[in-house]
Amino acid sequence: MSVYQMSCSSLRFALRRDQVELVELHGLRCCGYSTWVIERSGRRSQFAEGRRTVWNDQGSLKRLLYACGVREVYWRQPVSHDEMIGRPACLEPEQGLRVPLAAEG
């Protein structure tokens, strides 16, 4: 399965055309943050700035997304804190937390 990537300009264009269903911000285990764009067609694309797909700080990624026109993201953490410390995982999938973005990030 190939991974689609979406640049800043592609994200701006998709937002203007109302093609974006939602934007997910993923916390990655011990290495930073990534973003996935889910289009209304169901296609999932990884947000990329040049070759960069992982950010080590959430603030700069959120500022960049805001500059592209994103006004809210859904926070998803594939591995929960409970799983990291050895507790059993939840049986139901986590829906994510809606996080509005502000101009200052």
PDB file of N, CA and C in Angstrom:
ATOM      1  N   MET A   1       0.840  -1.178   0.000  1.00  0.00           N
ATOM      2  CA  MET A   1       0.000   0.000   0.000  1.00  0.00           C
ATOM      3  C   MET A   1       0.886   1.243   0.000  1.00  0.00           C
ATOM      4  N   SER A   2       0.656   2.139  -0.935  1.00  0.00           N
ATOM      5  CA  SER A   2       1.463   3.348  -0.999  1.00  0.00           C
ATOM      6  C   SER A   2       0.873   4.419  -0.082  1.00  0.00           C
ATOM      7  N   VAL A   3       1.745   5.238   0.457  1.00  0.00           N
ATOM      8  CA  VAL A   3       1.327   6.334   1.331  1.00  0.00           C
ATOM      9  C   VAL A   3       1.275   7.604   0.497  1.00  0.00           C
ATOM     10  N   TYR A   4       0.117   8.232   0.475  1.00  0.00           N
ATOM     11  CA  TYR A   4      -0.022   9.508  -0.209  1.00  0.00           C
ATOM     12  C   TYR A   4       0.487  10.603   0.713  1.00  0.00           C
ATOM     13  N   GLN A   5       1.125  11.609   0.134  1.00  0.00           N
ATOM     14  CA  GLN A   5       1.574  12.755   0.914  1.00  0.00           C
ATOM     15  C   GLN A   5       0.901  14.005   0.381  1.00  0.00           C
ATOM     16  N   MET A   6       0.607  14.921   1.300  1.00  0.00           N
ATOM     17  CA  MET A   6      -0.049  16.170   0.944  1.00  0.00           C
ATOM     18  C   MET A   6       0.823  17.331   1.409  1.00  0.00           C
ATOM     19  N   SER A   7       1.176  18.195   0.494  1.00  0.00           N
ATOM     20  CA  SER A   7       2.002  19.369   0.794  1.00  0.00           C
ATOM     21  C   SER A   7       1.125  20.501   1.345  1.00  0.00           C
ATOM     22  N   CYS A   8       1.772  21.570   1.789  1.00  0.00           N
ATOM     23  CA  CYS A   8       1.041  22.753   2.264  1.00  0.00           C
ATOM     24  C   CYS A   8       0.116  23.299   1.179  1.00  0.00           C
ATOM     25  N   SER A   9       0.632  23.451  -0.019  1.00  0.00           N
ATOM     26  CA  SER A   9      -0.194  24.012  -1.093  1.00  0.00           C
ATOM     27  C   SER A   9      -1.353  23.084  -1.455  1.00  0.00           C
ATOM     28  N   SER A  10      -1.119  21.782  -1.444  1.00  0.00           N
ATOM     29  CA  SER A  10      -2.197  20.828  -1.728  1.00  0.00           C
ATOM     30  C   SER A  10      -3.261  20.858  -0.640  1.00  0.00           C
ATOM     31  N   LEU A  11      -2.824  21.008   0.613  1.00  0.00           N
ATOM     32  CA  LEU A  11      -3.770  21.092   1.720  1.00  0.00           C
ATOM     33  C   LEU A  11      -4.611  22.363   1.605  1.00  0.00           C
ATOM     34  N   ARG A  12      -3.978  23.493   1.303  1.00  0.00           N
ATOM     35  CA  ARG A  12      -4.724  24.746   1.115  1.00  0.00           C
ATOM     36  C   ARG A  12      -5.785  24.590   0.020  1.00  0.00           C
ATOM     37  N   PHE A  13      -5.377  24.004  -1.100  1.00  0.00           N
ATOM     38  CA  PHE A  13      -6.281  23.804  -2.225  1.00  0.00           C
ATOM     39  C   PHE A  13      -7.448  22.903  -1.836  1.00  0.00           C
ATOM     40  N   ALA A  14      -7.152  21.795  -1.159  1.00  0.00           N
ATOM     41  CA  ALA A  14      -8.203  20.856  -0.745  1.00  0.00           C
ATOM     42  C   ALA A  14      -9.173  21.501   0.246  1.00  0.00           C
ATOM     43  N   LEU A  15      -8.655  22.324   1.152  1.00  0.00           N
ATOM     44  CA  LEU A  15      -9.522  23.018   2.110  1.00  0.00           C
ATOM     45  C   LEU A  15     -10.440  24.006   1.391  1.00  0.00           C
ATOM     46  N   ARG A  16      -9.903  24.756   0.439  1.00  0.00           N
ATOM     47  CA  ARG A  16     -10.710  25.726  -0.304  1.00  0.00           C
ATOM     48  C   ARG A  16     -11.817  25.048  -1.104  1.00  0.00           C
ATOM     49  N   ARG A  17     -11.543  23.849  -1.570  1.00  0.00           N
ATOM     50  CA  ARG A  17     -12.530  23.103  -2.366  1.00  0.00           C
ATOM     51  C   ARG A  17     -13.433  22.236  -1.496  1.00  0.00           C
ATOM     52  N   ASP A  18     -13.307  22.366  -0.175  1.00  0.00           N
ATOM     53  CA  ASP A  18     -14.117  21.626   0.794  1.00  0.00           C
ATOM     54  C   ASP A  18     -13.989  20.108   0.605  1.00  0.00           C
ATOM     55  N   GLN A  19     -12.781  19.657   0.324  1.00  0.00           N
ATOM     56  CA  GLN A  19     -12.527  18.233   0.119  1.00  0.00           C
ATOM     57  C   GLN A  19     -12.030  17.531   1.375  1.00  0.00           C
ATOM     58  N   VAL A  20     -11.736  18.291   2.433  1.00  0.00           N
ATOM     59  CA  VAL A  20     -11.151  17.712   3.637  1.00  0.00           C
ATOM     60  C   VAL A  20     -12.239  17.399   4.655  1.00  0.00           C
ATOM     61  N   GLU A  21     -12.290  16.147   5.069  1.00  0.00           N
ATOM     62  CA  GLU A  21     -13.230  15.717   6.110  1.00  0.00           C
ATOM     63  C   GLU A  21     -12.695  16.097   7.482  1.00  0.00           C
ATOM     64  N   LEU A  22     -11.443  15.717   7.757  1.00  0.00           N
ATOM     65  CA  LEU A  22     -10.811  16.091   9.016  1.00  0.00           C
ATOM     66  C   LEU A  22      -9.308  15.940   8.924  1.00  0.00           C
ATOM     67  N   VAL A  23      -8.641  16.574   9.886  1.00  0.00           N
ATOM     68  CA  VAL A  23      -7.181  16.526   9.977  1.00  0.00           C
ATOM     69  C   VAL A  23      -6.844  15.921  11.324  1.00  0.00           C
ATOM     70  N   GLU A  24      -6.033  14.866  11.313  1.00  0.00           N
ATOM     71  CA  GLU A  24      -5.655  14.170  12.543  1.00  0.00           C
ATOM     72  C   GLU A  24      -4.218  14.508  12.913  1.00  0.00           C
ATOM     73  N   LEU A  25      -4.008  14.836  14.168  1.00  0.00           N
ATOM     74  CA  LEU A  25      -2.673  15.063  14.715  1.00  0.00           C
ATOM     75  C   LEU A  25      -2.329  13.837  15.549  1.00  0.00           C
ATOM     76  N   HIS A  26      -1.273  13.138  15.174  1.00  0.00           N
ATOM     77  CA  HIS A  26      -0.887  11.904  15.851  1.00  0.00           C
ATOM     78  C   HIS A  26       0.339  12.132  16.727  1.00  0.00           C
ATOM     79  N   GLY A  27       0.237  11.706  17.971  1.00  0.00           N
ATOM     80  CA  GLY A  27       1.395  11.664  18.853  1.00  0.00           C
ATOM     81  C   GLY A  27       2.111  10.346  18.639  1.00  0.00           C
ATOM     82  N   LEU A  28       3.361  10.404  18.238  1.00  0.00           N
ATOM     83  CA  LEU A  28       4.127   9.193  17.952  1.00  0.00           C
ATOM     84  C   LEU A  28       4.968   8.813  19.159  1.00  0.00           C
ATOM     85  N   ARG A  29       5.108   7.556  19.395  1.00  0.00           N
ATOM     86  CA  ARG A  29       5.853   7.084  20.558  1.00  0.00           C
ATOM     87  C   ARG A  29       7.309   7.537  20.476  1.00  0.00           C
ATOM     88  N   CYS A  30       7.689   8.410  21.370  1.00  0.00           N
ATOM     89  CA  CYS A  30       9.078   8.845  21.581  1.00  0.00           C
ATOM     90  C   CYS A  30       9.743   9.547  20.400  1.00  0.00           C
ATOM     91  N   CYS A  31       8.986   9.981  19.390  1.00  0.00           N
ATOM     92  CA  CYS A  31       9.704  10.623  18.284  1.00  0.00           C
ATOM     93  C   CYS A  31       9.026  11.869  17.744  1.00  0.00           C
ATOM     94  N   GLY A  32       7.875  12.261  18.242  1.00  0.00           N
ATOM     95  CA  GLY A  32       7.280  13.506  17.781  1.00  0.00           C
ATOM     96  C   GLY A  32       5.838  13.383  17.358  1.00  0.00           C
ATOM     97  N   TYR A  33       5.500  14.129  16.299  1.00  0.00           N
ATOM     98  CA  TYR A  33       4.114  14.270  15.865  1.00  0.00           C
ATOM     99  C   TYR A  33       4.031  14.193  14.348  1.00  0.00           C
ATOM    100  N   SER A  34       2.925  13.649  13.860  1.00  0.00           N
ATOM    101  CA  SER A  34       2.656  13.644  12.426  1.00  0.00           C
ATOM    102  C   SER A  34       1.192  14.005  12.221  1.00  0.00           C
ATOM    103  N   THR A  35       0.853  14.319  10.992  1.00  0.00           N
ATOM    104  CA  THR A  35      -0.510  14.727  10.659  1.00  0.00           C
ATOM    105  C   THR A  35      -1.003  13.938   9.459  1.00  0.00           C
ATOM    106  N   TRP A  36      -2.259  13.524   9.547  1.00  0.00           N
ATOM    107  CA  TRP A  36      -2.915  12.823   8.451  1.00  0.00           C
ATOM    108  C   TRP A  36      -4.141  13.615   8.041  1.00  0.00           C
ATOM    109  N   VAL A  37      -4.337  13.749   6.746  1.00  0.00           N
ATOM    110  CA  VAL A  37      -5.487  14.456   6.194  1.00  0.00           C
ATOM    111  C   VAL A  37      -6.431  13.412   5.613  1.00  0.00           C
ATOM    112  N   ILE A  38      -7.678  13.432   6.087  1.00  0.00           N
ATOM    113  CA  ILE A  38      -8.692  12.505   5.588  1.00  0.00           C
ATOM    114  C   ILE A  38      -9.646  13.308   4.714  1.00  0.00           C
ATOM    115  N   GLU A  39      -9.690  12.946   3.451  1.00  0.00           N
ATOM    116  CA  GLU A  39     -10.545  13.646   2.498  1.00  0.00           C
ATOM    117  C   GLU A  39     -11.948  13.050   2.521  1.00  0.00           C
ATOM    118  N   ARG A  40     -12.910  13.798   2.043  1.00  0.00           N
ATOM    119  CA  ARG A  40     -14.302  13.342   2.005  1.00  0.00           C
ATOM    120  C   ARG A  40     -14.449  12.078   1.162  1.00  0.00           C
ATOM    121  N   SER A  41     -13.558  11.876   0.224  1.00  0.00           N
ATOM    122  CA  SER A  41     -13.575  10.673  -0.620  1.00  0.00           C
ATOM    123  C   SER A  41     -13.095   9.435   0.133  1.00  0.00           C
ATOM    124  N   GLY A  42     -12.525   9.634   1.334  1.00  0.00           N
ATOM    125  CA  GLY A  42     -11.994   8.527   2.119  1.00  0.00           C
ATOM    126  C   GLY A  42     -10.487   8.358   2.009  1.00  0.00           C
ATOM    127  N   ARG A  43      -9.885   9.058   1.103  1.00  0.00           N
ATOM    128  CA  ARG A  43      -8.430   8.969   0.921  1.00  0.00           C
ATOM    129  C   ARG A  43      -7.710   9.583   2.119  1.00  0.00           C
ATOM    130  N   ARG A  44      -6.673   8.909   2.590  1.00  0.00           N
ATOM    131  CA  ARG A  44      -5.835   9.383   3.700  1.00  0.00           C
ATOM    132  C   ARG A  44      -4.471   9.768   3.144  1.00  0.00           C
ATOM    133  N   SER A  45      -4.021  10.978   3.490  1.00  0.00           N
ATOM    134  CA  SER A  45      -2.714  11.448   3.043  1.00  0.00           C
ATOM    135  C   SER A  45      -1.926  11.940   4.243  1.00  0.00           C
ATOM    136  N   GLN A  46      -0.639  11.653   4.243  1.00  0.00           N
ATOM    137  CA  GLN A  46       0.226  12.156   5.300  1.00  0.00           C
ATOM    138  C   GLN A  46       0.669  13.563   4.925  1.00  0.00           C
ATOM    139  N   PHE A  47       0.519  14.508   5.858  1.00  0.00           N
ATOM    140  CA  PHE A  47       0.941  15.883   5.626  1.00  0.00           C
ATOM    141  C   PHE A  47       2.465  15.927   5.614  1.00  0.00           C
ATOM    142  N   ALA A  48       3.017  16.615   4.618  1.00  0.00           N
ATOM    143  CA  ALA A  48       4.475  16.698   4.474  1.00  0.00           C
ATOM    144  C   ALA A  48       4.872  18.098   4.059  1.00  0.00           C
ATOM    145  N   GLU A  49       5.932  18.581   4.660  1.00  0.00           N
ATOM    146  CA  GLU A  49       6.540  19.862   4.273  1.00  0.00           C
ATOM    147  C   GLU A  49       7.909  19.507   3.702  1.00  0.00           C
ATOM    148  N   GLY A  50       8.021  19.538   2.380  1.00  0.00           N
ATOM    149  CA  GLY A  50       9.228  19.012   1.748  1.00  0.00           C
ATOM    150  C   GLY A  50       9.271  17.507   1.993  1.00  0.00           C
ATOM    151  N   ARG A  51      10.355  17.033   2.566  1.00  0.00           N
ATOM    152  CA  ARG A  51      10.459  15.603   2.911  1.00  0.00           C
ATOM    153  C   ARG A  51      10.081  15.337   4.363  1.00  0.00           C
ATOM    154  N   ARG A  52       9.784  16.385   5.081  1.00  0.00           N
ATOM    155  CA  ARG A  52       9.502  16.261   6.508  1.00  0.00           C
ATOM    156  C   ARG A  52       8.062  15.794   6.746  1.00  0.00           C
ATOM    157  N   THR A  53       7.912  14.689   7.464  1.00  0.00           N
ATOM    158  CA  THR A  53       6.597  14.169   7.824  1.00  0.00           C
ATOM    159  C   THR A  53       6.432  14.030   9.338  1.00  0.00           C
ATOM    160  N   VAL A  54       7.520  14.226  10.090  1.00  0.00           N
ATOM    161  CA  VAL A  54       7.485  14.122  11.555  1.00  0.00           C
ATOM    162  C   VAL A  54       8.075  15.404  12.141  1.00  0.00           C
ATOM    163  N   TRP A  55       7.369  15.980  13.103  1.00  0.00           N
ATOM    164  CA  TRP A  55       7.815  17.189  13.798  1.00  0.00           C
ATOM    165  C   TRP A  55       8.131  16.823  15.238  1.00  0.00           C
ATOM    166  N   ASN A  56       9.210  17.387  15.771  1.00  0.00           N
ATOM    167  CA  ASN A  56       9.569  17.055  17.155  1.00  0.00           C
ATOM    168  C   ASN A  56       8.831  17.916  18.176  1.00  0.00           C
ATOM    169  N   ASP A  57       8.176  19.009  17.716  1.00  0.00           N
ATOM    170  CA  ASP A  57       7.367  19.787  18.654  1.00  0.00           C
ATOM    171  C   ASP A  57       6.006  20.078  18.030  1.00  0.00           C
ATOM    172  N   GLN A  58       5.007  19.991  18.854  1.00  0.00           N
ATOM    173  CA  GLN A  58       3.636  20.151  18.408  1.00  0.00           C
ATOM    174  C   GLN A  58       3.333  21.589  17.979  1.00  0.00           C
ATOM    175  N   GLY A  59       3.935  22.566  18.666  1.00  0.00           N
ATOM    176  CA  GLY A  59       3.648  23.971  18.383  1.00  0.00           C
ATOM    177  C   GLY A  59       3.958  24.376  16.954  1.00  0.00           C
ATOM    178  N   SER A  60       5.129  24.020  16.455  1.00  0.00           N
ATOM    179  CA  SER A  60       5.497  24.415  15.085  1.00  0.00           C
ATOM    180  C   SER A  60       4.609  23.722  14.051  1.00  0.00           C
ATOM    181  N   LEU A  61       4.230  22.496  14.310  1.00  0.00           N
ATOM    182  CA  LEU A  61       3.340  21.777  13.394  1.00  0.00           C
ATOM    183  C   LEU A  61       1.958  22.437  13.384  1.00  0.00           C
ATOM    184  N   LYS A  62       1.438  22.777  14.546  1.00  0.00           N
ATOM    185  CA  LYS A  62       0.128  23.424  14.619  1.00  0.00           C
ATOM    186  C   LYS A  62       0.138  24.796  13.950  1.00  0.00           C
ATOM    187  N   ARG A  63       1.226  25.546  14.101  1.00  0.00           N
ATOM    188  CA  ARG A  63       1.332  26.852  13.434  1.00  0.00           C
ATOM    189  C   ARG A  63       1.342  26.688  11.912  1.00  0.00           C
ATOM    190  N   LEU A  64       2.056  25.694  11.429  1.00  0.00           N
ATOM    191  CA  LEU A  64       2.114  25.436   9.990  1.00  0.00           C
ATOM    192  C   LEU A  64       0.739  25.024   9.462  1.00  0.00           C
ATOM    193  N   LEU A  65       0.047  24.161  10.186  1.00  0.00           N
ATOM    194  CA  LEU A  65      -1.298  23.747   9.773  1.00  0.00           C
ATOM    195  C   LEU A  65      -2.249  24.940   9.756  1.00  0.00           C
ATOM    196  N   TYR A  66      -2.158  25.800  10.756  1.00  0.00           N
ATOM    197  CA  TYR A  66      -3.002  26.995  10.803  1.00  0.00           C
ATOM    198  C   TYR A  66      -2.718  27.892   9.598  1.00  0.00           C
ATOM    199  N   ALA A  67      -1.450  28.047   9.244  1.00  0.00           N
ATOM    200  CA  ALA A  67      -1.070  28.858   8.087  1.00  0.00           C
ATOM    201  C   ALA A  67      -1.628  28.272   6.784  1.00  0.00           C
ATOM    202  N   CYS A  68      -1.850  26.972   6.764  1.00  0.00           N
ATOM    203  CA  CYS A  68      -2.429  26.323   5.586  1.00  0.00           C
ATOM    204  C   CYS A  68      -3.951  26.468   5.534  1.00  0.00           C
ATOM    205  N   GLY A  69      -4.554  26.915   6.649  1.00  0.00           N
ATOM    206  CA  GLY A  69      -6.002  27.087   6.665  1.00  0.00           C
ATOM    207  C   GLY A  69      -6.738  26.120   7.580  1.00  0.00           C
ATOM    208  N   VAL A  70      -6.018  25.234   8.251  1.00  0.00           N
ATOM    209  CA  VAL A  70      -6.643  24.282   9.165  1.00  0.00           C
ATOM    210  C   VAL A  70      -7.025  25.025  10.441  1.00  0.00           C
ATOM    211  N   ARG A  71      -8.264  24.866  10.891  1.00  0.00           N
ATOM    212  CA  ARG A  71      -8.724  25.563  12.090  1.00  0.00           C
ATOM    213  C   ARG A  71      -8.978  24.625  13.265  1.00  0.00           C
ATOM    214  N   GLU A  72      -8.963  23.319  13.011  1.00  0.00           N
ATOM    215  CA  GLU A  72      -9.068  22.358  14.100  1.00  0.00           C
ATOM    216  C   GLU A  72      -8.463  21.032  13.660  1.00  0.00           C
ATOM    217  N   VAL A  73      -7.932  20.315  14.618  1.00  0.00           N
ATOM    218  CA  VAL A  73      -7.392  18.976  14.377  1.00  0.00           C
ATOM    219  C   VAL A  73      -8.027  18.023  15.379  1.00  0.00           C
ATOM    220  N   TYR A  74      -7.934  16.752  15.086  1.00  0.00           N
ATOM    221  CA  TYR A  74      -8.357  15.719  16.028  1.00  0.00           C
ATOM    222  C   TYR A  74      -7.113  15.020  16.530  1.00  0.00           C
ATOM    223  N   TRP A  75      -6.880  15.136  17.825  1.00  0.00           N
ATOM    224  CA  TRP A  75      -5.704  14.543  18.472  1.00  0.00           C
ATOM    225  C   TRP A  75      -5.920  13.046  18.589  1.00  0.00           C
ATOM    226  N   ARG A  76      -4.989  12.288  18.074  1.00  0.00           N
ATOM    227  CA  ARG A  76      -5.028  10.830  18.169  1.00  0.00           C
ATOM    228  C   ARG A  76      -3.673  10.372  18.700  1.00  0.00           C
ATOM    229  N   GLN A  77      -3.724   9.452  19.617  1.00  0.00           N
ATOM    230  CA  GLN A  77      -2.490   8.893  20.154  1.00  0.00           C
ATOM    231  C   GLN A  77      -2.590   7.382  19.997  1.00  0.00           C
ATOM    232  N   PRO A  78      -1.904   6.823  18.989  1.00  0.00           N
ATOM    233  CA  PRO A  78      -2.026   5.391  18.695  1.00  0.00           C
ATOM    234  C   PRO A  78      -1.728   4.488  19.893  1.00  0.00           C
ATOM    235  N   VAL A  79      -0.801   4.892  20.727  1.00  0.00           N
ATOM    236  CA  VAL A  79      -0.465   4.102  21.908  1.00  0.00           C
ATOM    237  C   VAL A  79      -0.839   4.925  23.131  1.00  0.00           C
ATOM    238  N   SER A  80      -1.775   4.418  23.923  1.00  0.00           N
ATOM    239  CA  SER A  80      -2.224   5.175  25.084  1.00  0.00           C
ATOM    240  C   SER A  80      -1.191   5.119  26.202  1.00  0.00           C
ATOM    241  N   HIS A  81      -1.308   6.053  27.132  1.00  0.00           N
ATOM    242  CA  HIS A  81      -0.423   6.071  28.292  1.00  0.00           C
ATOM    243  C   HIS A  81      -0.554   4.768  29.071  1.00  0.00           C
ATOM    244  N   ASP A  82      -1.778   4.257  29.178  1.00  0.00           N
ATOM    245  CA  ASP A  82      -1.993   2.994  29.882  1.00  0.00           C
ATOM    246  C   ASP A  82      -1.200   1.851  29.251  1.00  0.00           C
ATOM    247  N   GLU A  83      -1.203   1.798  27.923  1.00  0.00           N
ATOM    248  CA  GLU A  83      -0.455   0.752  27.233  1.00  0.00           C
ATOM    249  C   GLU A  83       1.048   0.905  27.461  1.00  0.00           C
ATOM    250  N   MET A  84       1.527   2.160  27.507  1.00  0.00           N
ATOM    251  CA  MET A  84       2.957   2.400  27.705  1.00  0.00           C
ATOM    252  C   MET A  84       3.424   1.903  29.073  1.00  0.00           C
ATOM    253  N   ILE A  85       2.541   1.984  30.073  1.00  0.00           N
ATOM    254  CA  ILE A  85       2.947   1.551  31.417  1.00  0.00           C
ATOM    255  C   ILE A  85       2.478   0.139  31.740  1.00  0.00           C
ATOM    256  N   GLY A  86       1.935  -0.573  30.750  1.00  0.00           N
ATOM    257  CA  GLY A  86       1.625  -1.981  30.923  1.00  0.00           C
ATOM    258  C   GLY A  86       0.197  -2.325  31.273  1.00  0.00           C
ATOM    259  N   ARG A  87      -0.709  -1.362  31.313  1.00  0.00           N
ATOM    260  CA  ARG A  87      -2.125  -1.673  31.538  1.00  0.00           C
ATOM    261  C   ARG A  87      -2.729  -2.144  30.223  1.00  0.00           C
ATOM    262  N   PRO A  88      -3.801  -2.918  30.287  1.00  0.00           N
ATOM    263  CA  PRO A  88      -4.452  -3.377  29.044  1.00  0.00           C
ATOM    264  C   PRO A  88      -5.003  -2.203  28.238  1.00  0.00           C
ATOM    265  N   ALA A  89      -5.029  -2.371  26.949  1.00  0.00           N
ATOM    266  CA  ALA A  89      -5.554  -1.338  26.057  1.00  0.00           C
ATOM    267  C   ALA A  89      -7.073  -1.313  26.136  1.00  0.00           C
ATOM    268  N   CYS A  90      -7.657  -0.187  25.735  1.00  0.00           N
ATOM    269  CA  CYS A  90      -9.116  -0.077  25.661  1.00  0.00           C
ATOM    270  C   CYS A  90      -9.628  -1.007  24.564  1.00  0.00           C
ATOM    271  N   LEU A  91     -10.815  -1.537  24.770  1.00  0.00           N
ATOM    272  CA  LEU A  91     -11.393  -2.421  23.770  1.00  0.00           C
ATOM    273  C   LEU A  91     -12.026  -1.649  22.625  1.00  0.00           C
ATOM    274  N   GLU A  92     -12.528  -0.449  22.910  1.00  0.00           N
ATOM    275  CA  GLU A  92     -13.154   0.357  21.876  1.00  0.00           C
ATOM    276  C   GLU A  92     -12.145   1.352  21.315  1.00  0.00           C
ATOM    277  N   PRO A  93     -12.191   1.606  20.001  1.00  0.00           N
ATOM    278  CA  PRO A  93     -11.252   2.569  19.422  1.00  0.00           C
ATOM    279  C   PRO A  93     -11.533   3.970  19.940  1.00  0.00           C
ATOM    280  N   GLU A  94     -10.469   4.710  20.184  1.00  0.00           N
ATOM    281  CA  GLU A  94     -10.576   6.071  20.681  1.00  0.00           C
ATOM    282  C   GLU A  94     -10.919   6.995  19.523  1.00  0.00           C
ATOM    283  N   GLN A  95     -11.928   7.848  19.705  1.00  0.00           N
ATOM    284  CA  GLN A  95     -12.403   8.719  18.640  1.00  0.00           C
ATOM    285  C   GLN A  95     -11.529   9.938  18.411  1.00  0.00           C
ATOM    286  N   GLY A  96     -10.739  10.300  19.384  1.00  0.00           N
ATOM    287  CA  GLY A  96      -9.884  11.468  19.251  1.00  0.00           C
ATOM    288  C   GLY A  96     -10.483  12.661  19.960  1.00  0.00           C
ATOM    289  N   LEU A  97      -9.650  13.621  20.218  1.00  0.00           N
ATOM    290  CA  LEU A  97     -10.037  14.836  20.915  1.00  0.00           C
ATOM    291  C   LEU A  97      -9.983  15.994  19.936  1.00  0.00           C
ATOM    292  N   ARG A  98     -11.075  16.722  19.790  1.00  0.00           N
ATOM    293  CA  ARG A  98     -11.125  17.879  18.888  1.00  0.00           C
ATOM    294  C   ARG A  98     -10.348  19.021  19.528  1.00  0.00           C
ATOM    295  N   VAL A  99      -9.355  19.550  18.793  1.00  0.00           N
ATOM    296  CA  VAL A  99      -8.510  20.632  19.298  1.00  0.00           C
ATOM    297  C   VAL A  99      -8.579  21.799  18.313  1.00  0.00           C
ATOM    298  N   PRO A 100      -9.254  22.894  18.693  1.00  0.00           N
ATOM    299  CA  PRO A 100      -9.255  24.075  17.821  1.00  0.00           C
ATOM    300  C   PRO A 100      -7.853  24.686  17.770  1.00  0.00           C
ATOM    301  N   LEU A 101      -7.466  25.179  16.606  1.00  0.00           N
ATOM    302  CA  LEU A 101      -6.162  25.832  16.460  1.00  0.00           C
ATOM    303  C   LEU A 101      -6.349  27.336  16.531  1.00  0.00           C
ATOM    304  N   ALA A 102      -5.449  27.998  17.197  1.00  0.00           N
ATOM    305  CA  ALA A 102      -5.467  29.454  17.296  1.00  0.00           C
ATOM    306  C   ALA A 102      -4.325  30.024  16.455  1.00  0.00           C
ATOM    307  N   ALA A 103      -4.404  31.274  16.151  1.00  0.00           N
ATOM    308  CA  ALA A 103      -3.399  31.921  15.316  1.00  0.00           C
ATOM    309  C   ALA A 103      -2.005  31.807  15.882  1.00  0.00           C
ATOM    310  N   GLU A 104      -1.869  31.776  17.210  1.00  0.00           N
ATOM    311  CA  GLU A 104      -0.534  31.680  17.817  1.00  0.00           C
ATOM    312  C   GLU A 104      -0.069  30.247  17.942  1.00  0.00           C
ATOM    313  N   GLY A 105      -0.896  29.264  17.574  1.00  0.00           N
ATOM    314  CA  GLY A 105      -0.474  27.868  17.582  1.00  0.00           C
ATOM    315  C   GLY A 105      -0.761  27.231  18.866  1.00  0.00           C
TER     316      GLY A 105
END
